Structure formats: structure tokens, C-alpha cells
């Protein structure tokens, strides 16, 4: 381990070491073998979960190591519920949000329940 000029510790791992560790953890956790799980997909998943939990962007940046808000904005998608609320605002049908059932989209299963 070496000390980075910023004061943080840096591991001297090879380029593929973290990827190999992630694959081993995914296998042990029972993730689907045919799904590609990368360091980037885990980071994006984390940013989305933090956003859905209403964690402020500055705290998300501190957790993920992003340097600016635009970086985490690029990672996050709006939730199904937020999409439905937007659709309701644009819809000519006169119903309340509570009358709209949440639709469960079948996204590829990457994470166990």
C-alpha cells in the first residue's frame, strides 16, 4: 500500500484484481452467472439506491468518491414511481396519483433480494 498525495491509501493491485474479486463475490452471493457485473455497474447501483433513499448528492459523492454532482447525475435514473408521476402530469385522463397502480417492470435480475 502506498500513500497518495491527497492523504488516502492506494493499493498496488494489478489492473484485473478488483474485477476478479468482484466476480468471486458475485459467485458466492449467488448472482446470475450470465449477467455481467462490473465495478461500474456496482457503483451505478449504489448511486441509484442512495438517490432513491433521498441521500443528498454531496453525501453520495463522499461515499462514492465522485468529484462533481454531474457525475452522479449521469449514473442515476428516475424510479418507476417517478416515471408514473411524470406520466400522470402529462396525461389528459383525470385521475389521482393514488389511483395509478405501480407497474413492476421486469428489469434484468442482477442483485438478490
PDB file of N, CA and C in Angstrom:
ATOM      1  N   UNK A   1       0.841  -1.166   0.000  1.00  0.00           N
ATOM      2  CA  UNK A   1       0.000   0.000   0.000  1.00  0.00           C
ATOM      3  C   UNK A   1       0.893   1.238   0.000  1.00  0.00           C
ATOM      4  N   UNK A   2       0.476   2.245  -0.741  1.00  0.00           N
ATOM      5  CA  UNK A   2       1.228   3.499  -0.771  1.00  0.00           C
ATOM      6  C   UNK A   2       0.312   4.647  -0.382  1.00  0.00           C
ATOM      7  N   UNK A   3       0.911   5.743   0.026  1.00  0.00           N
ATOM      8  CA  UNK A   3       0.159   6.925   0.423  1.00  0.00           C
ATOM      9  C   UNK A   3       0.074   7.871  -0.762  1.00  0.00           C
ATOM     10  N   UNK A   4      -1.151   8.185  -1.174  1.00  0.00           N
ATOM     11  CA  UNK A   4      -1.401   9.117  -2.278  1.00  0.00           C
ATOM     12  C   UNK A   4      -1.157  10.542  -1.769  1.00  0.00           C
ATOM     13  N   UNK A   5      -0.751  11.485  -2.643  1.00  0.00           N
ATOM     14  CA  UNK A   5      -0.538  12.871  -2.201  1.00  0.00           C
ATOM     15  C   UNK A   5      -1.751  13.490  -1.510  1.00  0.00           C
ATOM     16  N   UNK A   6      -2.959  13.000  -1.815  1.00  0.00           N
ATOM     17  CA  UNK A   6      -4.166  13.535  -1.174  1.00  0.00           C
ATOM     18  C   UNK A   6      -4.296  13.059   0.268  1.00  0.00           C
ATOM     19  N   UNK A   7      -3.474  12.089   0.670  1.00  0.00           N
ATOM     20  CA  UNK A   7      -3.530  11.570   2.029  1.00  0.00           C
ATOM     21  C   UNK A   7      -4.228  10.227   2.134  1.00  0.00           C
ATOM     22  N   UNK A   8      -4.824   9.752   1.044  1.00  0.00           N
ATOM     23  CA  UNK A   8      -5.502   8.458   1.082  1.00  0.00           C
ATOM     24  C   UNK A   8      -4.528   7.337   0.740  1.00  0.00           C
ATOM     25  N   UNK A   9      -4.863   6.141   1.176  1.00  0.00           N
ATOM     26  CA  UNK A   9      -4.030   4.978   0.878  1.00  0.00           C
ATOM     27  C   UNK A   9      -4.425   4.404  -0.473  1.00  0.00           C
ATOM     28  N   UNK A  10      -3.451   3.935  -1.209  1.00  0.00           N
ATOM     29  CA  UNK A  10      -3.684   3.360  -2.528  1.00  0.00           C
ATOM     30  C   UNK A  10      -3.111   1.954  -2.540  1.00  0.00           C
ATOM     31  N   UNK A  11      -3.955   0.984  -2.940  1.00  0.00           N
ATOM     32  CA  UNK A  11      -3.473  -0.388  -3.060  1.00  0.00           C
ATOM     33  C   UNK A  11      -2.724  -0.551  -4.369  1.00  0.00           C
ATOM     34  N   UNK A  12      -1.688  -1.335  -4.352  1.00  0.00           N
ATOM     35  CA  UNK A  12      -0.901  -1.607  -5.553  1.00  0.00           C
ATOM     36  C   UNK A  12      -1.363  -2.904  -6.209  1.00  0.00           C
ATOM     37  N   UNK A  13      -2.653  -3.011  -6.478  1.00  0.00           N
ATOM     38  CA  UNK A  13      -3.195  -4.190  -7.109  1.00  0.00           C
ATOM     39  C   UNK A  13      -3.024  -4.095  -8.601  1.00  0.00           C
ATOM     40  N   UNK A  14      -3.028  -5.245  -9.241  1.00  0.00           N
ATOM     41  CA  UNK A  14      -2.994  -5.277 -10.700  1.00  0.00           C
ATOM     42  C   UNK A  14      -4.310  -4.782 -11.273  1.00  0.00           C
ATOM     43  N   UNK A  15      -4.310  -4.517 -12.551  1.00  0.00           N
ATOM     44  CA  UNK A  15      -5.480  -3.967 -13.231  1.00  0.00           C
ATOM     45  C   UNK A  15      -6.713  -4.850 -13.059  1.00  0.00           C
ATOM     46  N   UNK A  16      -6.550  -6.153 -13.072  1.00  0.00           N
ATOM     47  CA  UNK A  16      -7.694  -7.065 -13.036  1.00  0.00           C
ATOM     48  C   UNK A  16      -8.063  -7.561 -11.642  1.00  0.00           C
ATOM     49  N   UNK A  17      -7.308  -7.198 -10.629  1.00  0.00           N
ATOM     50  CA  UNK A  17      -7.530  -7.738  -9.288  1.00  0.00           C
ATOM     51  C   UNK A  17      -8.922  -7.415  -8.741  1.00  0.00           C
ATOM     52  N   UNK A  18      -9.353  -6.165  -8.838  1.00  0.00           N
ATOM     53  CA  UNK A  18     -10.657  -5.785  -8.313  1.00  0.00           C
ATOM     54  C   UNK A  18     -11.779  -6.492  -9.073  1.00  0.00           C
ATOM     55  N   UNK A  19     -11.629  -6.603 -10.389  1.00  0.00           N
ATOM     56  CA  UNK A  19     -12.616  -7.320 -11.199  1.00  0.00           C
ATOM     57  C   UNK A  19     -12.720  -8.781 -10.807  1.00  0.00           C
ATOM     58  N   UNK A  20     -11.579  -9.414 -10.531  1.00  0.00           N
ATOM     59  CA  UNK A  20     -11.569 -10.816 -10.105  1.00  0.00           C
ATOM     60  C   UNK A  20     -12.246 -10.967  -8.744  1.00  0.00           C
ATOM     61  N   UNK A  21     -11.972 -10.025  -7.845  1.00  0.00           N
ATOM     62  CA  UNK A  21     -12.598 -10.062  -6.523  1.00  0.00           C
ATOM     63  C   UNK A  21     -14.115  -9.906  -6.641  1.00  0.00           C
ATOM     64  N   UNK A  22     -14.557  -8.998  -7.508  1.00  0.00           N
ATOM     65  CA  UNK A  22     -15.983  -8.765  -7.704  1.00  0.00           C
ATOM     66  C   UNK A  22     -16.668 -10.009  -8.262  1.00  0.00           C
ATOM     67  N   UNK A  23     -16.047 -10.668  -9.230  1.00  0.00           N
ATOM     68  CA  UNK A  23     -16.613 -11.896  -9.794  1.00  0.00           C
ATOM     69  C   UNK A  23     -16.739 -12.977  -8.723  1.00  0.00           C
ATOM     70  N   UNK A  24     -15.729 -13.107  -7.888  1.00  0.00           N
ATOM     71  CA  UNK A  24     -15.766 -14.111  -6.819  1.00  0.00           C
ATOM     72  C   UNK A  24     -16.882 -13.801  -5.819  1.00  0.00           C
ATOM     73  N   UNK A  25     -17.033 -12.520  -5.459  1.00  0.00           N
ATOM     74  CA  UNK A  25     -18.092 -12.134  -4.521  1.00  0.00           C
ATOM     75  C   UNK A  25     -19.471 -12.371  -5.132  1.00  0.00           C
ATOM     76  N   UNK A  26     -19.627 -12.049  -6.426  1.00  0.00           N
ATOM     77  CA  UNK A  26     -20.911 -12.255  -7.105  1.00  0.00           C
ATOM     78  C   UNK A  26     -21.262 -13.739  -7.139  1.00  0.00           C
ATOM     79  N   UNK A  27     -20.272 -14.575  -7.405  1.00  0.00           N
ATOM     80  CA  UNK A  27     -20.494 -16.024  -7.444  1.00  0.00           C
ATOM     81  C   UNK A  27     -20.909 -16.527  -6.066  1.00  0.00           C
ATOM     82  N   UNK A  28     -20.189 -16.095  -5.030  1.00  0.00           N
ATOM     83  CA  UNK A  28     -20.500 -16.518  -3.663  1.00  0.00           C
ATOM     84  C   UNK A  28     -21.883 -16.040  -3.219  1.00  0.00           C
ATOM     85  N   UNK A  29     -22.306 -14.876  -3.729  1.00  0.00           N
ATOM     86  CA  UNK A  29     -23.607 -14.316  -3.353  1.00  0.00           C
ATOM     87  C   UNK A  29     -24.753 -14.915  -4.158  1.00  0.00           C
ATOM     88  N   UNK A  30     -24.420 -15.712  -5.179  1.00  0.00           N
ATOM     89  CA  UNK A  30     -25.455 -16.364  -5.972  1.00  0.00           C
ATOM     90  C   UNK A  30     -26.034 -15.514  -7.087  1.00  0.00           C
ATOM     91  N   UNK A  31     -25.322 -14.508  -7.533  1.00  0.00           N
ATOM     92  CA  UNK A  31     -25.796 -13.691  -8.650  1.00  0.00           C
ATOM     93  C   UNK A  31     -25.849 -14.542  -9.906  1.00  0.00           C
ATOM     94  N   UNK A  32     -26.672 -14.119 -10.824  1.00  0.00           N
ATOM     95  CA  UNK A  32     -26.800 -14.853 -12.081  1.00  0.00           C
ATOM     96  C   UNK A  32     -25.481 -14.856 -12.830  1.00  0.00           C
ATOM     97  N   UNK A  33     -25.082 -16.025 -13.288  1.00  0.00           N
ATOM     98  CA  UNK A  33     -23.782 -16.174 -13.947  1.00  0.00           C
ATOM     99  C   UNK A  33     -23.723 -15.484 -15.301  1.00  0.00           C
ATOM    100  N   UNK A  34     -24.851 -15.442 -16.017  1.00  0.00           N
ATOM    101  CA  UNK A  34     -24.834 -14.874 -17.360  1.00  0.00           C
ATOM    102  C   UNK A  34     -24.940 -13.343 -17.370  1.00  0.00           C
ATOM    103  N   UNK A  35     -25.085 -12.720 -16.205  1.00  0.00           N
ATOM    104  CA  UNK A  35     -25.146 -11.262 -16.136  1.00  0.00           C
ATOM    105  C   UNK A  35     -23.752 -10.704 -15.918  1.00  0.00           C
ATOM    106  N   UNK A  36     -23.466  -9.634 -16.593  1.00  0.00           N
ATOM    107  CA  UNK A  36     -22.152  -9.006 -16.465  1.00  0.00           C
ATOM    108  C   UNK A  36     -22.197  -8.002 -15.320  1.00  0.00           C
ATOM    109  N   UNK A  37     -21.467  -8.276 -14.274  1.00  0.00           N
ATOM    110  CA  UNK A  37     -21.394  -7.379 -13.129  1.00  0.00           C
ATOM    111  C   UNK A  37     -19.983  -6.814 -13.090  1.00  0.00           C
ATOM    112  N   UNK A  38     -19.906  -5.502 -13.179  1.00  0.00           N
ATOM    113  CA  UNK A  38     -18.608  -4.835 -13.205  1.00  0.00           C
ATOM    114  C   UNK A  38     -18.510  -3.854 -12.050  1.00  0.00           C
ATOM    115  N   UNK A  39     -17.315  -3.335 -11.831  1.00  0.00           N
ATOM    116  CA  UNK A  39     -17.123  -2.303 -10.811  1.00  0.00           C
ATOM    117  C   UNK A  39     -18.054  -1.128 -11.097  1.00  0.00           C
ATOM    118  N   UNK A  40     -18.169  -0.775 -12.366  1.00  0.00           N
ATOM    119  CA  UNK A  40     -19.008   0.348 -12.770  1.00  0.00           C
ATOM    120  C   UNK A  40     -20.485   0.077 -12.486  1.00  0.00           C
ATOM    121  N   UNK A  41     -20.968  -1.143 -12.763  1.00  0.00           N
ATOM    122  CA  UNK A  41     -22.381  -1.442 -12.524  1.00  0.00           C
ATOM    123  C   UNK A  41     -22.702  -1.426 -11.030  1.00  0.00           C
ATOM    124  N   UNK A  42     -21.763  -1.847 -10.206  1.00  0.00           N
ATOM    125  CA  UNK A  42     -21.963  -1.800  -8.755  1.00  0.00           C
ATOM    126  C   UNK A  42     -22.023  -0.349  -8.288  1.00  0.00           C
ATOM    127  N   UNK A  43     -21.162   0.480  -8.826  1.00  0.00           N
ATOM    128  CA  UNK A  43     -21.136   1.898  -8.458  1.00  0.00           C
ATOM    129  C   UNK A  43     -22.438   2.582  -8.886  1.00  0.00           C
ATOM    130  N   UNK A  44     -22.913   2.285 -10.079  1.00  0.00           N
ATOM    131  CA  UNK A  44     -24.167   2.864 -10.566  1.00  0.00           C
ATOM    132  C   UNK A  44     -25.332   2.398  -9.697  1.00  0.00           C
ATOM    133  N   UNK A  45     -25.350   1.115  -9.347  1.00  0.00           N
ATOM    134  CA  UNK A  45     -26.393   0.565  -8.484  1.00  0.00           C
ATOM    135  C   UNK A  45     -26.415   1.306  -7.150  1.00  0.00           C
ATOM    136  N   UNK A  46     -25.243   1.541  -6.569  1.00  0.00           N
ATOM    137  CA  UNK A  46     -25.143   2.242  -5.295  1.00  0.00           C
ATOM    138  C   UNK A  46     -25.671   3.667  -5.414  1.00  0.00           C
ATOM    139  N   UNK A  47     -25.269   4.390  -6.455  1.00  0.00           N
ATOM    140  CA  UNK A  47     -25.728   5.771  -6.647  1.00  0.00           C
ATOM    141  C   UNK A  47     -27.250   5.801  -6.753  1.00  0.00           C
ATOM    142  N   UNK A  48     -27.835   4.867  -7.501  1.00  0.00           N
ATOM    143  CA  UNK A  48     -29.291   4.831  -7.664  1.00  0.00           C
ATOM    144  C   UNK A  48     -29.983   4.547  -6.337  1.00  0.00           C
ATOM    145  N   UNK A  49     -29.468   3.587  -5.573  1.00  0.00           N
ATOM    146  CA  UNK A  49     -30.073   3.259  -4.278  1.00  0.00           C
ATOM    147  C   UNK A  49     -29.993   4.446  -3.318  1.00  0.00           C
ATOM    148  N   UNK A  50     -28.868   5.142  -3.299  1.00  0.00           N
ATOM    149  CA  UNK A  50     -28.722   6.309  -2.432  1.00  0.00           C
ATOM    150  C   UNK A  50     -29.682   7.416  -2.855  1.00  0.00           C
ATOM    151  N   UNK A  51     -29.830   7.613  -4.169  1.00  0.00           N
ATOM    152  CA  UNK A  51     -30.755   8.637  -4.659  1.00  0.00           C
ATOM    153  C   UNK A  51     -32.186   8.285  -4.275  1.00  0.00           C
ATOM    154  N   UNK A  52     -32.580   7.025  -4.450  1.00  0.00           N
ATOM    155  CA  UNK A  52     -33.938   6.596  -4.100  1.00  0.00           C
ATOM    156  C   UNK A  52     -34.210   6.719  -2.605  1.00  0.00           C
ATOM    157  N   UNK A  53     -33.155   6.669  -1.794  1.00  0.00           N
ATOM    158  CA  UNK A  53     -33.289   6.820  -0.344  1.00  0.00           C
ATOM    159  C   UNK A  53     -33.196   8.291   0.079  1.00  0.00           C
ATOM    160  N   UNK A  54     -33.199   9.195  -0.906  1.00  0.00           N
ATOM    161  CA  UNK A  54     -33.128  10.645  -0.666  1.00  0.00           C
ATOM    162  C   UNK A  54     -31.862  11.081   0.061  1.00  0.00           C
ATOM    163  N   UNK A  55     -30.768  10.384  -0.190  1.00  0.00           N
ATOM    164  CA  UNK A  55     -29.474  10.794   0.350  1.00  0.00           C
ATOM    165  C   UNK A  55     -29.002  11.991  -0.478  1.00  0.00           C
ATOM    166  N   UNK A  56     -28.615  13.094   0.161  1.00  0.00           N
ATOM    167  CA  UNK A  56     -28.187  14.280  -0.591  1.00  0.00           C
ATOM    168  C   UNK A  56     -26.999  13.970  -1.510  1.00  0.00           C
ATOM    169  N   UNK A  57     -26.953  14.634  -2.671  1.00  0.00           N
ATOM    170  CA  UNK A  57     -25.862  14.395  -3.625  1.00  0.00           C
ATOM    171  C   UNK A  57     -24.471  14.569  -3.018  1.00  0.00           C
ATOM    172  N   UNK A  58     -24.312  15.527  -2.111  1.00  0.00           N
ATOM    173  CA  UNK A  58     -22.983  15.735  -1.518  1.00  0.00           C
ATOM    174  C   UNK A  58     -22.557  14.531  -0.680  1.00  0.00           C
ATOM    175  N   UNK A  59     -23.509  13.912   0.017  1.00  0.00           N
ATOM    176  CA  UNK A  59     -23.182  12.716   0.801  1.00  0.00           C
ATOM    177  C   UNK A  59     -22.901  11.528  -0.122  1.00  0.00           C
ATOM    178  N   UNK A  60     -23.668  11.417  -1.198  1.00  0.00           N
ATOM    179  CA  UNK A  60     -23.434  10.355  -2.178  1.00  0.00           C
ATOM    180  C   UNK A  60     -22.036  10.495  -2.759  1.00  0.00           C
ATOM    181  N   UNK A  61     -21.647  11.730  -3.080  1.00  0.00           N
ATOM    182  CA  UNK A  61     -20.312  11.977  -3.626  1.00  0.00           C
ATOM    183  C   UNK A  61     -19.228  11.571  -2.630  1.00  0.00           C
ATOM    184  N   UNK A  62     -19.465  11.834  -1.346  1.00  0.00           N
ATOM    185  CA  UNK A  62     -18.485  11.461  -0.324  1.00  0.00           C
ATOM    186  C   UNK A  62     -18.347   9.942  -0.230  1.00  0.00           C
ATOM    187  N   UNK A  63     -19.450   9.238  -0.400  1.00  0.00           N
ATOM    188  CA  UNK A  63     -19.437   7.774  -0.316  1.00  0.00           C
ATOM    189  C   UNK A  63     -18.782   7.151  -1.544  1.00  0.00           C
ATOM    190  N   UNK A  64     -19.122   7.674  -2.728  1.00  0.00           N
ATOM    191  CA  UNK A  64     -18.666   7.056  -3.976  1.00  0.00           C
ATOM    192  C   UNK A  64     -17.345   7.597  -4.494  1.00  0.00           C
ATOM    193  N   UNK A  65     -16.926   8.751  -3.978  1.00  0.00           N
ATOM    194  CA  UNK A  65     -15.672   9.339  -4.435  1.00  0.00           C
ATOM    195  C   UNK A  65     -15.798  10.199  -5.679  1.00  0.00           C
ATOM    196  N   UNK A  66     -17.021  10.494  -6.103  1.00  0.00           N
ATOM    197  CA  UNK A  66     -17.201  11.380  -7.254  1.00  0.00           C
ATOM    198  C   UNK A  66     -16.786  12.803  -6.878  1.00  0.00           C
ATOM    199  N   UNK A  67     -16.294  13.529  -7.864  1.00  0.00           N
ATOM    200  CA  UNK A  67     -15.792  14.886  -7.613  1.00  0.00           C
ATOM    201  C   UNK A  67     -16.817  15.971  -7.898  1.00  0.00           C
ATOM    202  N   UNK A  68     -17.822  15.675  -8.737  1.00  0.00           N
ATOM    203  CA  UNK A  68     -18.835  16.693  -9.013  1.00  0.00           C
ATOM    204  C   UNK A  68     -20.217  16.057  -9.144  1.00  0.00           C
ATOM    205  N   UNK A  69     -21.239  16.880  -8.946  1.00  0.00           N
ATOM    206  CA  UNK A  69     -22.619  16.406  -8.946  1.00  0.00           C
ATOM    207  C   UNK A  69     -23.020  15.838 -10.307  1.00  0.00           C
ATOM    208  N   UNK A  70     -22.517  16.423 -11.384  1.00  0.00           N
ATOM    209  CA  UNK A  70     -22.880  15.945 -12.720  1.00  0.00           C
ATOM    210  C   UNK A  70     -22.515  14.470 -12.903  1.00  0.00           C
ATOM    211  N   UNK A  71     -21.434  14.043 -12.302  1.00  0.00           N
ATOM    212  CA  UNK A  71     -21.025  12.640 -12.417  1.00  0.00           C
ATOM    213  C   UNK A  71     -22.073  11.692 -11.856  1.00  0.00           C
ATOM    214  N   UNK A  72     -22.615  12.011 -10.686  1.00  0.00           N
ATOM    215  CA  UNK A  72     -23.622  11.114 -10.107  1.00  0.00           C
ATOM    216  C   UNK A  72     -24.973  11.289 -10.782  1.00  0.00           C
ATOM    217  N   UNK A  73     -25.236  12.467 -11.331  1.00  0.00           N
ATOM    218  CA  UNK A  73     -26.479  12.679 -12.068  1.00  0.00           C
ATOM    219  C   UNK A  73     -26.508  11.788 -13.301  1.00  0.00           C
ATOM    220  N   UNK A  74     -25.361  11.624 -13.952  1.00  0.00           N
ATOM    221  CA  UNK A  74     -25.280  10.757 -15.127  1.00  0.00           C
ATOM    222  C   UNK A  74     -25.555   9.300 -14.775  1.00  0.00           C
ATOM    223  N   UNK A  75     -25.248   8.880 -13.556  1.00  0.00           N
ATOM    224  CA  UNK A  75     -25.441   7.498 -13.133  1.00  0.00           C
ATOM    225  C   UNK A  75     -26.881   7.173 -12.774  1.00  0.00           C
ATOM    226  N   UNK A  76     -27.620   8.149 -12.285  1.00  0.00           N
ATOM    227  CA  UNK A  76     -28.917   7.831 -11.708  1.00  0.00           C
ATOM    228  C   UNK A  76     -30.060   7.951 -12.706  1.00  0.00           C
ATOM    229  N   UNK A  77     -31.023   7.071 -12.540  1.00  0.00           N
ATOM    230  CA  UNK A  77     -32.239   7.053 -13.348  1.00  0.00           C
ATOM    231  C   UNK A  77     -33.414   7.344 -12.430  1.00  0.00           C
ATOM    232  N   UNK A  78     -34.500   7.833 -12.994  1.00  0.00           N
ATOM    233  CA  UNK A  78     -35.664   8.062 -12.145  1.00  0.00           C
ATOM    234  C   UNK A  78     -36.371   6.734 -11.903  1.00  0.00           C
ATOM    235  N   UNK A  79     -37.002   6.626 -10.738  1.00  0.00           N
ATOM    236  CA  UNK A  79     -37.676   5.382 -10.361  1.00  0.00           C
ATOM    237  C   UNK A  79     -38.961   5.206 -11.169  1.00  0.00           C
ATOM    238  N   UNK A  80     -39.517   4.003 -11.114  1.00  0.00           N
ATOM    239  CA  UNK A  80     -40.772   3.710 -11.808  1.00  0.00           C
ATOM    240  C   UNK A  80     -41.869   4.627 -11.279  1.00  0.00           C
ATOM    241  N   UNK A  81     -41.906   4.818  -9.967  1.00  0.00           N
ATOM    242  CA  UNK A  81     -42.927   5.690  -9.371  1.00  0.00           C
ATOM    243  C   UNK A  81     -42.781   7.120  -9.885  1.00  0.00           C
ATOM    244  N   UNK A  82     -41.559   7.624  -9.983  1.00  0.00           N
ATOM    245  CA  UNK A  82     -41.343   8.972 -10.507  1.00  0.00           C
ATOM    246  C   UNK A  82     -41.764   9.056 -11.972  1.00  0.00           C
ATOM    247  N   UNK A  83     -41.488   8.014 -12.747  1.00  0.00           N
ATOM    248  CA  UNK A  83     -41.905   7.994 -14.150  1.00  0.00           C
ATOM    249  C   UNK A  83     -43.424   8.046 -14.265  1.00  0.00           C
ATOM    250  N   UNK A  84     -44.112   7.314 -13.390  1.00  0.00           N
ATOM    251  CA  UNK A  84     -45.572   7.307 -13.432  1.00  0.00           C
ATOM    252  C   UNK A  84     -46.147   8.661 -13.034  1.00  0.00           C
ATOM    253  N   UNK A  85     -45.533   9.322 -12.065  1.00  0.00           N
ATOM    254  CA  UNK A  85     -45.996  10.653 -11.676  1.00  0.00           C
ATOM    255  C   UNK A  85     -45.828  11.638 -12.827  1.00  0.00           C
ATOM    256  N   UNK A  86     -44.713  11.538 -13.538  1.00  0.00           N
ATOM    257  CA  UNK A  86     -44.490  12.398 -14.710  1.00  0.00           C
ATOM    258  C   UNK A  86     -45.532  12.103 -15.782  1.00  0.00           C
ATOM    259  N   UNK A  87     -45.817  10.841 -15.991  1.00  0.00           N
ATOM    260  CA  UNK A  87     -46.810  10.442 -16.979  1.00  0.00           C
ATOM    261  C   UNK A  87     -48.181  10.993 -16.605  1.00  0.00           C
ATOM    262  N   UNK A  88     -48.506  10.940 -15.323  1.00  0.00           N
ATOM    263  CA  UNK A  88     -49.782  11.460 -14.839  1.00  0.00           C
ATOM    264  C   UNK A  88     -49.905  12.949 -15.144  1.00  0.00           C
ATOM    265  N   UNK A  89     -48.840  13.693 -14.935  1.00  0.00           N
ATOM    266  CA  UNK A  89     -48.874  15.133 -15.190  1.00  0.00           C
ATOM    267  C   UNK A  89     -49.139  15.443 -16.658  1.00  0.00           C
ATOM    268  N   UNK A  90     -48.690  14.565 -17.535  1.00  0.00           N
ATOM    269  CA  UNK A  90     -48.851  14.781 -18.972  1.00  0.00           C
ATOM    270  C   UNK A  90     -50.120  14.141 -19.535  1.00  0.00           C
ATOM    271  N   UNK A  91     -50.779  13.318 -18.738  1.00  0.00           N
ATOM    272  CA  UNK A  91     -51.935  12.562 -19.208  1.00  0.00           C
ATOM    273  C   UNK A  91     -53.196  13.424 -19.225  1.00  0.00           C
ATOM    274  N   UNK A  92     -54.026  13.288 -20.284  1.00  0.00           N
ATOM    275  CA  UNK A  92     -55.288  14.024 -20.319  1.00  0.00           C
ATOM    276  C   UNK A  92     -56.363  13.384 -19.434  1.00  0.00           C
ATOM    277  N   UNK A  93     -56.121  12.160 -18.966  1.00  0.00           N
ATOM    278  CA  UNK A  93     -57.084  11.463 -18.115  1.00  0.00           C
ATOM    279  C   UNK A  93     -57.044  12.085 -16.727  1.00  0.00           C
ATOM    280  N   UNK A  94     -58.213  12.284 -16.138  1.00  0.00           N
ATOM    281  CA  UNK A  94     -58.300  12.971 -14.857  1.00  0.00           C
ATOM    282  C   UNK A  94     -58.395  11.958 -13.708  1.00  0.00           C
ATOM    283  N   UNK A  95     -57.250  11.443 -13.246  1.00  0.00           N
ATOM    284  CA  UNK A  95     -57.199  10.516 -12.114  1.00  0.00           C
ATOM    285  C   UNK A  95     -56.161  11.021 -11.127  1.00  0.00           C
ATOM    286  N   UNK A  96     -56.251  10.530  -9.898  1.00  0.00           N
ATOM    287  CA  UNK A  96     -55.257  10.930  -8.903  1.00  0.00           C
ATOM    288  C   UNK A  96     -54.099   9.945  -8.921  1.00  0.00           C
ATOM    289  N   UNK A  97     -52.973  10.368  -8.397  1.00  0.00           N
ATOM    290  CA  UNK A  97     -51.784   9.508  -8.331  1.00  0.00           C
ATOM    291  C   UNK A  97     -52.091   8.226  -7.562  1.00  0.00           C
ATOM    292  N   UNK A  98     -52.902   8.323  -6.494  1.00  0.00           N
ATOM    293  CA  UNK A  98     -53.200   7.152  -5.678  1.00  0.00           C
ATOM    294  C   UNK A  98     -53.982   6.097  -6.465  1.00  0.00           C
ATOM    295  N   UNK A  99     -54.691   6.498  -7.526  1.00  0.00           N
ATOM    296  CA  UNK A  99     -55.463   5.552  -8.320  1.00  0.00           C
ATOM    297  C   UNK A  99     -54.603   4.811  -9.339  1.00  0.00           C
ATOM    298  N   UNK A 100     -53.376   5.246  -9.541  1.00  0.00           N
ATOM    299  CA  UNK A 100     -52.499   4.625 -10.531  1.00  0.00           C
ATOM    300  C   UNK A 100     -51.692   3.525  -9.855  1.00  0.00           C
ATOM    301  N   UNK A 101     -51.884   2.257 -10.260  1.00  0.00           N
ATOM    302  CA  UNK A 101     -51.089   1.183  -9.644  1.00  0.00           C
ATOM    303  C   UNK A 101     -49.638   1.255 -10.119  1.00  0.00           C
ATOM    304  N   UNK A 102     -48.746   0.891  -9.235  1.00  0.00           N
ATOM    305  CA  UNK A 102     -47.340   0.838  -9.633  1.00  0.00           C
ATOM    306  C   UNK A 102     -47.133  -0.344 -10.558  1.00  0.00           C
ATOM    307  N   UNK A 103     -46.478  -0.097 -11.652  1.00  0.00           N
ATOM    308  CA  UNK A 103     -46.177  -1.148 -12.617  1.00  0.00           C
ATOM    309  C   UNK A 103     -44.811  -1.707 -12.280  1.00  0.00           C
ATOM    310  N   UNK A 104     -44.708  -3.003 -12.192  1.00  0.00           N
ATOM    311  CA  UNK A 104     -43.425  -3.627 -11.902  1.00  0.00           C
ATOM    312  C   UNK A 104     -42.763  -4.007 -13.214  1.00  0.00           C
ATOM    313  N   UNK A 105     -41.785  -3.235 -13.602  1.00  0.00           N
ATOM    314  CA  UNK A 105     -41.054  -3.529 -14.820  1.00  0.00           C
ATOM    315  C   UNK A 105     -40.114  -4.692 -14.565  1.00  0.00           C
ATOM    316  N   UNK A 106     -39.938  -5.537 -15.531  1.00  0.00           N
ATOM    317  CA  UNK A 106     -39.078  -6.704 -15.383  1.00  0.00           C
ATOM    318  C   UNK A 106     -37.694  -6.383 -15.917  1.00  0.00           C
ATOM    319  N   UNK A 107     -36.898  -5.749 -15.083  1.00  0.00           N
ATOM    320  CA  UNK A 107     -35.517  -5.453 -15.439  1.00  0.00           C
ATOM    321  C   UNK A 107     -34.692  -6.712 -15.213  1.00  0.00           C
ATOM    322  N   UNK A 108     -33.553  -6.821 -15.873  1.00  0.00           N
ATOM    323  CA  UNK A 108     -32.695  -7.989 -15.644  1.00  0.00           C
ATOM    324  C   UNK A 108     -32.327  -8.100 -14.168  1.00  0.00           C
ATOM    325  N   UNK A 109     -32.414  -9.300 -13.635  1.00  0.00           N
ATOM    326  CA  UNK A 109     -32.098  -9.508 -12.223  1.00  0.00           C
ATOM    327  C   UNK A 109     -30.588  -9.589 -12.049  1.00  0.00           C
ATOM    328  N   UNK A 110     -30.036  -8.565 -11.388  1.00  0.00           N
ATOM    329  CA  UNK A 110     -28.606  -8.550 -11.115  1.00  0.00           C
ATOM    330  C   UNK A 110     -28.321  -8.796  -9.644  1.00  0.00           C
ATOM    331  N   UNK A 111     -29.244  -8.404  -8.796  1.00  0.00           N
ATOM    332  CA  UNK A 111     -28.989  -8.425  -7.359  1.00  0.00           C
ATOM    333  C   UNK A 111     -29.998  -9.331  -6.670  1.00  0.00           C
ATOM    334  N   UNK A 112     -29.559 -10.136  -5.727  1.00  0.00           N
ATOM    335  CA  UNK A 112     -30.502 -10.985  -4.992  1.00  0.00           C
ATOM    336  C   UNK A 112     -31.376 -10.131  -4.087  1.00  0.00           C
ATOM    337  N   UNK A 113     -32.535 -10.653  -3.724  1.00  0.00           N
ATOM    338  CA  UNK A 113     -33.450  -9.911  -2.844  1.00  0.00           C
ATOM    339  C   UNK A 113     -32.981  -9.952  -1.422  1.00  0.00           C
TER     340      UNK A 113
END
